[in-house]
Amino acid sequence: MRTETHSAETADADGDGRSAELPTTPCSVVWSGGHSYVLEGVGGRSLWAGVDDRGHPRFLTGTELQRRGWSLPPR
């Protein structure tokens, strides 16, 4: 299965209509570094919540997630 990675430099690189912008709807899910992250909160206080390799909670800002690279979940 092919997984597409998005970053600020790859906006709609394959022409599928998706942009490099992270989703903004609460409870949206993306993948980064083999882990899922869920958008929690609204507006300027939104954070992407997930876990690290040891199962510890990890919270990332949208900027941090963009820098790490991300992909949409498999459909």
Protein backbone atom coordinates (compact mmCIF):
# COMPACT_ATOMS: atom_id res chain seq x y z
CA MET A 1 0.00 0.00 0.00
CA ARG A 2 1.34 3.43 -0.93
CA THR A 3 1.36 6.10 1.77
CA GLU A 4 1.68 9.70 0.73
CA THR A 5 3.77 12.02 2.89
CA HIS A 6 2.91 15.68 2.98
CA SER A 7 5.10 18.61 3.85
CA ALA A 8 5.12 22.28 3.09
CA GLU A 9 7.15 21.58 -0.06
CA THR A 10 4.91 18.82 -1.48
CA ALA A 11 1.57 20.56 -1.89
CA ASP A 12 -0.51 18.43 -4.28
CA ALA A 13 2.62 16.94 -5.85
CA ASP A 14 0.72 14.00 -7.33
CA GLY A 15 -2.30 16.03 -8.47
CA ASP A 16 -4.85 14.28 -6.25
CA GLY A 17 -6.29 17.59 -5.01
CA ARG A 18 -4.87 17.35 -1.50
CA SER A 19 -2.88 20.26 -0.18
CA ALA A 20 0.03 20.32 2.23
CA GLU A 21 -2.19 21.90 4.87
CA LEU A 22 -2.97 19.85 7.94
CA PRO A 23 -6.66 19.17 8.59
CA THR A 24 -8.29 21.62 11.00
CA THR A 25 -11.41 19.67 11.99
CA PRO A 26 -11.25 18.43 15.61
CA CYS A 27 -10.66 14.66 15.85
CA SER A 28 -8.90 14.58 12.45
CA VAL A 29 -6.26 11.84 12.24
CA VAL A 30 -2.87 11.93 10.49
CA TRP A 31 0.21 9.68 10.63
CA SER A 32 3.79 10.71 11.35
CA GLY A 33 6.79 8.53 12.12
CA GLY A 34 4.65 5.39 12.19
CA HIS A 35 2.25 6.80 14.81
CA SER A 36 -1.23 8.27 14.54
CA TYR A 37 -1.99 11.75 15.85
CA VAL A 38 -5.45 13.13 16.59
CA LEU A 39 -6.24 16.85 16.52
CA GLU A 40 -7.48 17.96 19.93
CA GLY A 41 -8.74 21.42 20.77
CA VAL A 42 -9.97 24.27 18.63
CA GLY A 43 -8.30 27.35 17.23
CA GLY A 44 -4.94 28.57 18.52
CA ARG A 45 -4.83 25.97 21.29
CA SER A 46 -5.08 22.93 19.03
CA LEU A 47 -2.51 20.18 19.50
CA TRP A 48 -1.94 16.87 17.76
CA ALA A 49 -2.03 14.09 20.38
CA GLY A 50 -0.30 10.73 19.92
CA VAL A 51 2.19 8.42 21.60
CA ASP A 52 5.92 7.84 21.23
CA ASP A 53 7.64 4.48 20.65
CA ARG A 54 7.31 3.66 24.36
CA GLY A 55 3.62 4.49 24.55
CA HIS A 56 4.13 7.79 26.35
CA PRO A 57 1.80 10.65 25.42
CA ARG A 58 3.20 13.09 22.88
CA PHE A 59 1.67 16.40 21.85
CA LEU A 60 2.78 18.28 18.75
CA THR A 61 1.85 21.64 17.33
CA GLY A 62 0.86 21.87 13.69
CA THR A 63 4.25 23.44 12.91
CA GLU A 64 6.11 20.54 14.56
CA LEU A 65 4.02 18.02 12.66
CA GLN A 66 4.63 19.81 9.35
CA ARG A 67 8.38 19.74 10.04
CA ARG A 68 8.33 16.00 10.88
CA GLY A 69 6.25 15.14 7.81
CA TRP A 70 2.81 13.55 7.89
CA SER A 71 0.36 11.55 5.84
CA LEU A 72 -3.35 10.97 5.83
CA PRO A 73 -4.53 7.64 7.23
CA PRO A 74 -4.99 4.75 4.83
CA ARG A 75 -8.46 4.56 3.38
